[in-house]
Amino acid sequence: MKVSYYAINTMGGTGSMKMLINIITMRNMLFAALVLCGIGFAAVPSAPAAAQIPSELLAFVNESGQVVVTSSDGSYRWIVTNPGEPLAYPLGYTWSADGTRLFFAVDLGGAVSLRVGDPNAQTWIEIGTASPGASGGGWGGSGVAIAEGNTLRVYDPNGAGIVAEANFEQSISAPSPFINPRPNLAIETPLELNGDSGFVQLADGRYALAGLNGGYTGIFETVNNNETRGAGLWADVGPAVTFWGFTPNGNSVIAALDARTGQGVIYDSGRAAPITPLVWLDGTLTLIYRDSSAFIRAANFDCLPSCPPDLFANGVNLFASTAGQVQTNDGLIVYQDGGAVYALDGGCIEANACENSAVPLVNDADPSGWLHTRAGVLAYTSTSGAAHVIDLACIGGECAPFAALNGARSGLVSATGSALTLDYSGWLSVIDLATGNVLDLGIGSPLETATWNR
C-alpha cells in the first residue's frame, strides 16, 4: 500500500494555512491507519456488493484498460470489466440520468457487446450487440440509443431487447457522450432525456430527428462536420434540441426545434460566420448561443413549437463573444474570458438587462484549464498550477478562492459539490473538498473519461 503526505497551501479570505493531505492509492488499498500530529486518517476497505453504496460514484478506466467504479473516498470499488475486454469506441460508457446504472460497450473483435451494469449489485447484463464503429451510447426515456448502419435503435436497459428504432436513407452516426473532449461543458447526446425523440447525422453531413415511437422523423438541409460540438444539445425540460451548421450555399444556420414535431426556428444568418449553441439555461427553454456579432446571446423558446422566425436575430446580449467555457448551474451563468472568470444571474435575460452585469470572481484562471460548476461550487485551475475552488454563495460579498491542491489540474465537481476530480502530477485523483483527503486512482490523467454518476 502506498501512502504519501503533501503539504498544500489553502487560501482563505483572511489568510492561509498549511494542510496535510493523505493520498491513498487504490491499486492495493485494504486498510491504512495513519497518525500524524495526533490526528488519525484511515482508508476504509472496499464495501461488499450487498452493502449500501455511496450515492456519488465515479467511473474511469484503469491502467489495464478496465472500467472501474469508485466512491470519492475509496470506500467502494467495483472493477466492471475483465482484463482483455477493451472498451468499444466511440460508445465507451455513460451513466443513466439517475446515476444508478452504467452503460458500457466492450469490443469483442468482430462485434460489440452492449452492457448495462448495476453498481449496487456489482453485476451487469448484455442488452444487445452491435457492429464495430457503432456510435451513440446516450440514455433517454426508454433506454440506450445506438446508431448502426442506417438505423438508430433504443435498447431496453433491463435486457428486453430493442424497444424502438428509426431508419434512414443512408448510414448515420449519433452523438457519443463518451468521447466529448470537454465534459465540463454541455454534452451532446442522441436522445431526448425524458422522451423518445432522437438526433442523428447522416453520412452526407445533414442532421435529422428520429421519432422512435411514432413521433416526428425528418431530415434537415443543414450540414456540418461529423462530431461537431453544439449539435445535439437537449434542454433538460421539454423535447427541445438545438444544432448548427451551414446551408448548401455556405450561410451559417442555427436551429432550436421541438423534436416531437420538427417545428421551431431554423435561422439562416445570411453570413458565413458560425452561430453556435453553447448551453441551455438549466431548468428552462432559454438557449445561450454565440452570435456572429460581438456578443454571446440568449433567446427563450417557451414558444416552441411555434416561435417567431427572428428569435435568434433578436436575442438578448449577455457578454462579449470572446468568452468561453460558458455553463449554467442553478440559474447562474458562469464563463471565462482570458484569465478572468465571471458569474451572471440568468434572471437578467427576461429583463434584457445582462450587459455589464456579470460579477468578476477571479482573474488568475488558466485559459487552457477546465472551468466547472455544480451545486454552488466553482472549480478552476490557476495560472500558478493549482486546482482552486470557490463557494458561489460568496456572490454579493467577497469571493475568496482557496487552493484545493497545488500542482493539480482541476476536473469535474461532483453533483453535491463535495468532491473534485484532478490531474495531480499526471495521476488521476479525487479530492474530498470537506476534508482535503486525496484519493490517487493509480493511473495517468484521462480527466475527459472520468465521469460522475450524477
Protein backbone atom coordinates (compact mmCIF):
# COMPACT_ATOMS: atom_id res chain seq x y z
CA MET A 1 0.00 0.00 0.00
CA LYS A 2 1.39 3.38 -0.96
CA VAL A 3 0.52 6.40 1.14
CA SER A 4 2.06 9.83 0.76
CA TYR A 5 1.61 13.15 2.53
CA TYR A 6 1.86 16.53 0.90
CA ALA A 7 1.66 19.97 2.45
CA ILE A 8 -0.51 22.34 0.46
CA ASN A 9 -1.30 25.99 0.85
CA THR A 10 -5.00 26.54 1.48
CA MET A 11 -6.07 30.12 0.79
CA GLY A 12 -8.92 31.71 2.66
CA GLY A 13 -10.40 35.17 2.82
CA THR A 14 -8.29 36.06 5.85
CA GLY A 15 -5.01 34.35 5.12
CA SER A 16 -3.54 30.95 4.56
CA MET A 17 -2.77 27.77 6.43
CA LYS A 18 -0.87 24.57 5.83
CA MET A 19 -2.95 21.48 5.33
CA LEU A 20 -1.79 17.88 5.16
CA ILE A 21 -3.34 15.64 2.54
CA ASN A 22 -3.27 11.87 2.63
CA ILE A 23 -3.11 10.24 -0.76
CA ILE A 24 -4.29 6.65 -0.93
CA THR A 25 -3.53 4.50 -3.97
CA MET A 26 -6.48 2.26 -4.86
CA ARG A 27 -4.43 -0.43 -6.53
CA ASN A 28 -3.52 -2.11 -3.25
CA MET A 29 -5.95 -0.43 -0.87
CA LEU A 30 -7.10 -2.60 2.00
CA PHE A 31 -6.54 -0.53 5.10
CA ALA A 32 -4.43 2.40 6.31
CA ALA A 33 -4.30 3.86 9.78
CA LEU A 34 -2.23 6.99 9.79
CA VAL A 35 -1.41 9.14 12.74
CA LEU A 36 0.22 12.50 12.32
CA CYS A 37 0.29 15.21 14.95
CA GLY A 38 -2.21 13.22 16.94
CA ILE A 39 -4.76 13.10 14.13
CA GLY A 40 -5.69 9.74 12.60
CA PHE A 41 -6.52 9.20 8.96
CA ALA A 42 -7.92 5.87 7.74
CA ALA A 43 -8.85 4.32 4.44
CA VAL A 44 -11.96 2.17 4.51
CA PRO A 45 -11.83 -1.25 2.75
CA SER A 46 -13.96 -1.82 -0.35
CA ALA A 47 -17.58 -2.43 0.61
CA PRO A 48 -19.16 -5.78 -0.22
CA ALA A 49 -21.68 -5.73 -3.05
CA ALA A 50 -24.65 -6.15 -0.70
CA ALA A 51 -23.76 -3.09 1.38
CA GLN A 52 -25.38 0.28 0.89
CA ILE A 53 -23.10 2.13 -1.52
CA PRO A 54 -22.39 5.86 -1.66
CA SER A 55 -24.72 7.91 -3.83
CA GLU A 56 -21.85 9.62 -5.65
CA LEU A 57 -19.73 7.34 -7.81
CA LEU A 58 -17.01 7.91 -10.38
CA ALA A 59 -16.34 5.74 -13.45
CA PHE A 60 -12.87 5.64 -15.00
CA VAL A 61 -10.52 3.36 -16.93
CA ASN A 62 -7.57 1.88 -15.04
CA GLU A 63 -4.06 1.17 -16.34
CA SER A 64 -5.18 -2.25 -17.57
CA GLY A 65 -7.95 -0.75 -19.68
CA GLN A 66 -10.68 -1.95 -17.31
CA VAL A 67 -13.72 0.12 -16.39
CA VAL A 68 -13.76 0.81 -12.65
CA VAL A 69 -16.41 2.47 -10.47
CA THR A 70 -15.30 4.03 -7.20
CA SER A 71 -16.62 6.30 -4.47
CA SER A 72 -14.81 9.57 -3.87
CA ASP A 73 -13.23 8.28 -0.64
CA GLY A 74 -12.31 4.82 -1.91
CA SER A 75 -14.69 3.01 0.45
CA TYR A 76 -16.47 1.46 -2.55
CA ARG A 77 -14.87 -0.06 -5.63
CA TRP A 78 -16.16 -2.23 -8.47
CA ILE A 79 -13.99 -3.44 -11.33
CA VAL A 80 -16.63 -3.64 -14.04
CA THR A 81 -14.77 -5.26 -16.94
CA ASN A 82 -12.17 -8.02 -17.08
CA PRO A 83 -8.61 -7.78 -18.43
CA GLY A 84 -8.68 -8.22 -22.18
CA GLU A 85 -12.12 -6.62 -22.53
CA PRO A 86 -11.29 -3.29 -24.18
CA LEU A 87 -13.92 -0.61 -24.48
CA ALA A 88 -15.53 -0.14 -27.88
CA TYR A 89 -15.10 3.39 -29.19
CA PRO A 90 -16.81 5.76 -29.59
CA LEU A 91 -19.51 4.18 -27.35
CA GLY A 92 -17.35 3.78 -24.25
CA TYR A 93 -19.53 4.18 -21.18
CA THR A 94 -22.22 6.56 -19.92
CA TRP A 95 -24.27 6.85 -16.73
CA SER A 96 -28.06 6.75 -16.66
CA ALA A 97 -29.74 10.06 -15.80
CA ASP A 98 -30.49 8.92 -12.25
CA GLY A 99 -26.92 7.70 -11.75
CA THR A 100 -27.90 4.16 -10.73
CA ARG A 101 -26.73 2.27 -13.82
CA LEU A 102 -23.79 2.35 -16.20
CA PHE A 103 -23.97 1.53 -19.91
CA PHE A 104 -20.70 0.28 -21.36
CA ALA A 105 -19.63 -1.29 -24.64
CA VAL A 106 -16.95 -3.98 -24.95
CA ASP A 107 -15.02 -4.62 -28.16
CA LEU A 108 -15.12 -8.36 -28.86
CA GLY A 109 -13.19 -8.07 -32.10
CA GLY A 110 -15.82 -8.67 -34.77
CA ALA A 111 -18.71 -7.42 -32.64
CA VAL A 112 -19.52 -5.03 -29.80
CA SER A 113 -21.21 -6.25 -26.63
CA LEU A 114 -23.68 -3.68 -25.26
CA ARG A 115 -23.99 -3.97 -21.49
CA VAL A 116 -25.63 -2.27 -18.52
CA GLY A 117 -24.12 -2.56 -15.06
CA ASP A 118 -25.68 -2.13 -11.62
CA PRO A 119 -23.09 -0.75 -9.17
CA ASN A 120 -25.28 -1.60 -6.19
CA ALA A 121 -25.35 -5.31 -7.06
CA GLN A 122 -21.98 -5.22 -8.87
CA THR A 123 -23.47 -7.16 -11.77
CA TRP A 124 -24.09 -6.48 -15.44
CA ILE A 125 -26.28 -7.82 -18.24
CA GLU A 126 -25.87 -7.78 -22.01
CA ILE A 127 -28.64 -5.73 -23.61
CA GLY A 128 -27.61 -6.34 -27.22
CA THR A 129 -24.79 -6.47 -29.74
CA ALA A 130 -23.65 -4.09 -32.46
CA SER A 131 -21.08 -3.84 -35.21
CA PRO A 132 -17.70 -2.17 -34.67
CA GLY A 133 -17.96 1.56 -35.27
CA ALA A 134 -21.47 1.88 -33.84
CA SER A 135 -22.00 5.28 -32.20
CA GLY A 136 -24.23 6.93 -29.62
CA GLY A 137 -24.47 5.32 -26.21
CA GLY A 138 -26.59 8.04 -24.61
CA TRP A 139 -29.58 7.34 -22.35
CA GLY A 140 -33.12 8.55 -22.94
CA GLY A 141 -36.66 7.88 -21.83
CA SER A 142 -36.77 4.24 -22.99
CA GLY A 143 -33.16 3.15 -22.79
CA VAL A 144 -29.81 3.46 -24.56
CA ALA A 145 -29.53 4.72 -28.16
CA ILE A 146 -27.14 3.07 -30.63
CA ALA A 147 -26.63 4.19 -34.23
CA GLU A 148 -25.57 1.37 -36.53
CA GLY A 149 -25.69 1.40 -40.32
CA ASN A 150 -28.73 3.45 -41.32
CA THR A 151 -30.70 2.69 -38.13
CA LEU A 152 -31.00 4.32 -34.72
CA ARG A 153 -32.09 1.74 -32.14
CA VAL A 154 -33.03 2.07 -28.49
CA TYR A 155 -32.16 -0.89 -26.26
CA ASP A 156 -34.06 -1.64 -23.09
CA PRO A 157 -31.63 -1.37 -20.14
CA ASN A 158 -33.30 -4.34 -18.44
CA GLY A 159 -32.44 -6.70 -21.29
CA ALA A 160 -35.75 -6.79 -23.17
CA GLY A 161 -34.01 -6.04 -26.47
CA ILE A 162 -34.79 -3.30 -29.00
CA VAL A 163 -37.75 -1.21 -27.90
CA ALA A 164 -37.72 1.44 -30.65
CA GLU A 165 -35.91 2.21 -33.89
CA ALA A 166 -35.85 4.63 -36.80
CA ASN A 167 -34.43 4.01 -40.28
CA PHE A 168 -32.86 6.50 -42.69
CA GLU A 169 -31.95 6.60 -46.36
CA GLN A 170 -28.21 6.38 -45.71
CA SER A 171 -25.81 5.50 -42.91
CA ILE A 172 -25.97 7.62 -39.78
CA SER A 173 -23.98 8.47 -36.68
CA ALA A 174 -25.20 9.66 -33.30
CA PRO A 175 -23.51 11.89 -30.71
CA SER A 176 -21.34 9.78 -28.39
CA PRO A 177 -21.09 11.43 -24.95
CA PHE A 178 -18.09 9.30 -24.01
CA ILE A 179 -15.72 10.93 -26.49
CA ASN A 180 -16.63 14.50 -25.54
CA PRO A 181 -13.26 16.25 -25.02
CA ARG A 182 -14.76 18.82 -22.63
CA PRO A 183 -17.26 17.07 -20.32
CA ASN A 184 -17.25 20.15 -18.09
CA LEU A 185 -19.43 21.82 -20.73
CA ALA A 186 -22.83 20.94 -22.19
CA ILE A 187 -22.75 17.43 -23.67
CA GLU A 188 -24.32 16.36 -26.95
CA THR A 189 -26.48 13.23 -26.71
CA PRO A 190 -28.53 11.16 -29.19
CA LEU A 191 -31.77 11.03 -27.16
CA GLU A 192 -34.23 13.35 -25.51
CA LEU A 193 -33.72 12.96 -21.76
CA ASN A 194 -37.31 12.12 -20.85
CA GLY A 195 -38.76 11.04 -24.18
CA ASP A 196 -38.28 9.05 -27.35
CA SER A 197 -37.00 11.57 -29.85
CA GLY A 198 -33.55 11.01 -31.34
CA PHE A 199 -30.94 13.19 -33.03
CA VAL A 200 -28.54 11.85 -35.67
CA GLN A 201 -26.28 12.94 -38.51
CA LEU A 202 -26.38 11.38 -41.96
CA ALA A 203 -23.25 10.35 -43.84
CA ASP A 204 -23.60 13.40 -46.12
CA GLY A 205 -23.42 15.74 -43.11
CA ARG A 206 -27.12 16.60 -42.81
CA TYR A 207 -28.87 16.41 -39.45
CA ALA A 208 -32.08 14.54 -38.74
CA LEU A 209 -34.61 13.93 -36.00
CA ALA A 210 -35.82 10.41 -35.29
CA GLY A 211 -39.29 9.79 -33.90
CA LEU A 212 -38.63 6.47 -32.21
CA ASN A 213 -42.17 5.75 -31.08
CA GLY A 214 -44.28 7.30 -33.80
CA GLY A 215 -43.03 10.87 -33.37
CA TYR A 216 -41.57 13.20 -35.99
CA THR A 217 -38.81 11.91 -38.26
CA GLY A 218 -37.26 14.30 -40.74
CA ILE A 219 -34.02 15.40 -42.39
CA PHE A 220 -32.78 19.00 -42.47
CA GLU A 221 -30.63 20.60 -45.13
CA THR A 222 -28.24 21.98 -42.52
CA VAL A 223 -24.85 20.29 -42.94
CA ASN A 224 -21.75 20.18 -40.75
CA ASN A 225 -18.67 18.13 -39.97
CA ASN A 226 -19.04 14.90 -38.05
CA GLU A 227 -18.93 15.11 -34.22
CA THR A 228 -19.26 18.89 -34.23
CA ARG A 229 -19.65 20.39 -30.78
CA GLY A 230 -23.00 22.06 -30.10
CA ALA A 231 -25.05 19.82 -32.39
CA GLY A 232 -27.43 17.66 -30.39
CA LEU A 233 -27.79 19.67 -27.17
CA TRP A 234 -31.11 18.91 -25.45
CA ALA A 235 -32.87 21.13 -22.94
CA ASP A 236 -33.45 19.41 -19.59
CA VAL A 237 -37.12 20.39 -19.77
CA GLY A 238 -39.31 19.59 -22.77
CA PRO A 239 -38.30 18.00 -26.08
CA ALA A 240 -36.19 20.94 -27.29
CA VAL A 241 -32.97 20.28 -29.23
CA THR A 242 -30.50 22.60 -30.91
CA PHE A 243 -27.93 22.24 -33.67
CA TRP A 244 -25.99 24.38 -36.09
CA GLY A 245 -24.27 24.17 -39.47
CA PHE A 246 -24.39 25.63 -42.95
CA THR A 247 -26.76 25.83 -45.88
CA PRO A 248 -25.66 24.38 -49.25
CA ASN A 249 -24.57 27.89 -50.29
CA GLY A 250 -22.44 28.39 -47.16
CA ASN A 251 -24.66 30.50 -44.90
CA SER A 252 -24.43 29.83 -41.15
CA VAL A 253 -27.56 28.26 -39.65
CA ILE A 254 -28.68 27.69 -36.06
CA ALA A 255 -31.81 25.81 -35.05
CA ALA A 256 -33.94 25.24 -31.95
CA LEU A 257 -36.74 22.74 -32.51
CA ASP A 258 -39.48 20.82 -30.77
CA ALA A 259 -38.15 17.35 -31.56
CA ARG A 260 -41.59 15.73 -31.41
CA THR A 261 -42.97 17.92 -34.18
CA GLY A 262 -39.84 19.08 -36.02
CA GLN A 263 -41.11 22.66 -35.76
CA GLY A 264 -39.38 25.69 -34.27
CA VAL A 265 -36.79 28.12 -35.58
CA ILE A 266 -34.16 27.39 -38.22
CA TYR A 267 -32.35 30.72 -38.60
CA ASP A 268 -30.27 31.45 -41.71
CA SER A 269 -27.92 34.27 -40.73
CA GLY A 270 -27.02 35.15 -44.33
CA ARG A 271 -23.36 35.10 -43.27
CA ALA A 272 -20.56 32.59 -43.33
CA ALA A 273 -19.52 33.29 -39.72
CA PRO A 274 -20.82 30.46 -37.50
CA ILE A 275 -23.62 30.94 -34.96
CA THR A 276 -23.19 28.17 -32.39
CA PRO A 277 -25.33 26.91 -29.48
CA LEU A 278 -23.49 26.76 -26.16
CA VAL A 279 -25.87 25.61 -23.42
CA TRP A 280 -29.50 25.65 -22.34
CA LEU A 281 -30.05 27.60 -19.13
CA ASP A 282 -30.78 24.82 -16.67
CA GLY A 283 -34.45 24.20 -15.95
CA THR A 284 -35.60 26.44 -18.81
CA LEU A 285 -36.04 26.63 -22.57
CA THR A 286 -33.63 29.55 -22.78
CA LEU A 287 -30.74 28.86 -25.15
CA ILE A 288 -27.38 30.61 -24.83
CA TYR A 289 -25.53 30.89 -28.14
CA ARG A 290 -22.54 32.59 -29.73
CA ASP A 291 -23.73 35.06 -32.36
CA SER A 292 -21.75 36.04 -35.43
CA SER A 293 -21.60 39.57 -33.99
CA ALA A 294 -19.63 40.68 -30.94
CA PHE A 295 -21.91 39.05 -28.37
CA ILE A 296 -22.94 35.84 -26.74
CA ARG A 297 -26.72 35.99 -26.57
CA ALA A 298 -29.75 34.21 -25.14
CA ALA A 299 -33.20 33.52 -26.56
CA ASN A 300 -36.20 31.97 -24.84
CA PHE A 301 -38.04 29.16 -26.63
CA ASP A 302 -41.03 28.69 -24.37
CA CYS A 303 -42.93 29.42 -27.58
CA LEU A 304 -41.99 26.06 -29.16
CA PRO A 305 -43.14 24.68 -31.48
CA SER A 306 -44.48 27.99 -32.87
CA CYS A 307 -41.86 30.71 -32.38
CA PRO A 308 -41.12 33.96 -34.23
CA PRO A 309 -38.62 33.29 -37.03
CA ASP A 310 -36.40 36.20 -35.93
CA LEU A 311 -35.95 34.97 -32.34
CA PHE A 312 -32.22 34.31 -32.79
CA ALA A 313 -31.67 37.62 -34.55
CA ASN A 314 -33.23 39.48 -31.62
CA GLY A 315 -31.57 37.58 -28.78
CA VAL A 316 -30.60 39.27 -25.52
CA ASN A 317 -26.97 40.37 -25.33
CA LEU A 318 -25.21 38.71 -22.39
CA PHE A 319 -21.47 39.36 -22.68
CA ALA A 320 -18.65 39.61 -25.20
CA SER A 321 -18.17 36.80 -27.71
CA THR A 322 -14.57 36.41 -26.51
CA ALA A 323 -15.95 34.48 -23.52
CA GLY A 324 -15.55 30.71 -23.33
CA GLN A 325 -16.43 27.69 -21.17
CA VAL A 326 -19.98 29.03 -20.74
CA GLN A 327 -22.05 26.86 -18.39
CA THR A 328 -25.03 27.18 -16.08
CA ASN A 329 -25.95 25.93 -12.62
CA ASP A 330 -28.99 26.82 -10.51
CA GLY A 331 -29.84 29.73 -12.81
CA LEU A 332 -26.32 31.16 -12.67
CA ILE A 333 -24.28 31.59 -15.86
CA VAL A 334 -20.54 31.17 -15.37
CA TYR A 335 -17.92 31.86 -18.02
CA GLN A 336 -14.25 32.62 -18.58
CA ASP A 337 -12.74 35.43 -20.63
CA GLY A 338 -8.96 35.24 -20.81
CA GLY A 339 -7.77 34.67 -17.26
CA ALA A 340 -10.90 36.14 -15.67
CA VAL A 341 -13.96 34.18 -14.51
CA TYR A 342 -17.38 35.80 -14.18
CA ALA A 343 -20.85 34.90 -12.92
CA LEU A 344 -24.11 36.29 -14.29
CA ASP A 345 -27.58 35.87 -12.81
CA GLY A 346 -29.69 34.26 -15.54
CA GLY A 347 -32.68 36.26 -14.30
CA CYS A 348 -31.31 39.25 -16.20
CA ILE A 349 -32.37 37.68 -19.51
CA GLU A 350 -36.10 38.22 -19.06
CA ALA A 351 -35.45 41.85 -18.16
CA ASN A 352 -32.99 42.29 -21.06
CA ALA A 353 -30.53 43.73 -18.55
CA CYS A 354 -27.48 41.46 -18.77
CA GLU A 355 -24.82 43.59 -20.42
CA ASN A 356 -22.15 44.74 -17.93
CA SER A 357 -23.97 42.92 -15.11
CA ALA A 358 -21.59 39.98 -14.64
CA VAL A 359 -19.77 39.69 -11.32
CA PRO A 360 -15.99 39.12 -11.55
CA LEU A 361 -14.87 36.15 -9.45
CA VAL A 362 -11.16 35.62 -10.14
CA ASN A 363 -8.51 36.84 -12.57
CA ASP A 364 -5.93 34.06 -12.31
CA ALA A 365 -7.63 31.22 -14.24
CA ASP A 366 -5.52 29.27 -16.70
CA PRO A 367 -7.23 29.75 -20.09
CA SER A 368 -6.22 26.21 -21.11
CA GLY A 369 -7.65 24.60 -17.96
CA TRP A 370 -11.17 23.44 -17.24
CA LEU A 371 -13.82 25.54 -15.58
CA HIS A 372 -16.65 23.60 -13.92
CA THR A 373 -19.53 24.47 -11.62
CA ARG A 374 -22.09 22.33 -9.81
CA ALA A 375 -24.03 22.59 -6.56
CA GLY A 376 -22.86 26.12 -5.90
CA VAL A 377 -19.17 25.21 -6.25
CA LEU A 378 -16.86 26.51 -8.95
CA ALA A 379 -13.55 24.77 -9.71
CA TYR A 380 -10.76 26.00 -11.96
CA THR A 381 -7.01 25.72 -12.49
CA SER A 382 -4.98 28.79 -11.66
CA THR A 383 -2.11 30.17 -13.70
CA SER A 384 0.16 29.10 -10.82
CA GLY A 385 -0.76 25.47 -11.45
CA ALA A 386 -3.16 24.75 -8.59
CA ALA A 387 -6.72 23.46 -8.51
CA HIS A 388 -8.86 26.18 -6.94
CA VAL A 389 -12.41 26.15 -5.59
CA ILE A 390 -14.92 28.94 -4.96
CA ASP A 391 -18.13 28.74 -2.94
CA LEU A 392 -20.52 30.72 -5.16
CA ALA A 393 -22.57 31.70 -2.14
CA CYS A 394 -19.97 34.45 -1.93
CA ILE A 395 -21.59 36.38 -4.78
CA GLY A 396 -22.79 39.68 -3.44
CA GLY A 397 -19.88 39.76 -0.99
CA GLU A 398 -16.19 38.95 -1.19
CA CYS A 399 -15.29 35.83 -3.21
CA ALA A 400 -12.04 34.31 -2.00
CA PRO A 401 -10.98 31.12 -3.79
CA PHE A 402 -8.90 28.57 -1.93
CA ALA A 403 -6.25 26.28 -3.37
CA ALA A 404 -7.66 22.78 -3.15
CA LEU A 405 -4.32 21.28 -4.22
CA ASN A 406 -1.11 22.76 -5.58
CA GLY A 407 0.37 21.07 -8.64
CA ALA A 408 -3.03 19.80 -9.73
CA ARG A 409 -5.24 20.41 -12.76
CA SER A 410 -8.93 20.80 -11.90
CA GLY A 411 -11.52 18.43 -13.37
CA LEU A 412 -15.21 17.84 -12.62
CA VAL A 413 -17.15 18.81 -9.49
CA SER A 414 -19.43 16.08 -8.12
CA ALA A 415 -23.21 16.56 -8.01
CA THR A 416 -23.23 17.62 -4.35
CA GLY A 417 -20.15 19.81 -4.69
CA SER A 418 -18.32 17.68 -2.14
CA ALA A 419 -15.58 16.23 -4.38
CA LEU A 420 -13.49 17.14 -7.40
CA THR A 421 -11.57 15.09 -9.96
CA LEU A 422 -7.98 16.13 -10.53
CA ASP A 423 -4.96 15.53 -12.70
CA TYR A 424 -2.41 15.55 -9.88
CA SER A 425 1.13 15.48 -11.22
CA GLY A 426 -0.05 13.29 -14.09
CA TRP A 427 -2.22 10.97 -11.98
CA LEU A 428 -5.99 10.82 -11.94
CA SER A 429 -7.15 11.67 -8.43
CA VAL A 430 -10.20 12.76 -6.43
CA ILE A 431 -10.17 15.28 -3.61
CA ASP A 432 -12.76 15.45 -0.83
CA LEU A 433 -13.35 19.19 -0.59
CA ALA A 434 -14.51 18.98 3.04
CA THR A 435 -11.56 17.05 4.46
CA GLY A 436 -8.84 17.64 1.87
CA ASN A 437 -8.23 13.90 1.54
CA VAL A 438 -6.99 12.95 -1.93
CA LEU A 439 -7.62 9.53 -3.44
CA ASP A 440 -4.98 8.56 -6.03
CA LEU A 441 -6.64 6.30 -8.59
CA GLY A 442 -3.31 4.96 -9.74
CA ILE A 443 -3.36 5.78 -13.45
CA GLY A 444 -2.48 8.57 -15.83
CA SER A 445 -4.76 11.56 -16.22
CA PRO A 446 -7.68 10.94 -18.61
CA LEU A 447 -9.87 13.58 -16.98
CA GLU A 448 -12.05 13.51 -20.09
CA THR A 449 -13.32 9.99 -19.36
CA ALA A 450 -13.57 10.09 -15.57
CA THR A 451 -17.25 10.87 -15.03
CA TRP A 452 -19.51 11.23 -12.01
CA ASN A 453 -22.75 9.28 -11.96
CA ARG A 454 -24.91 12.35 -11.41
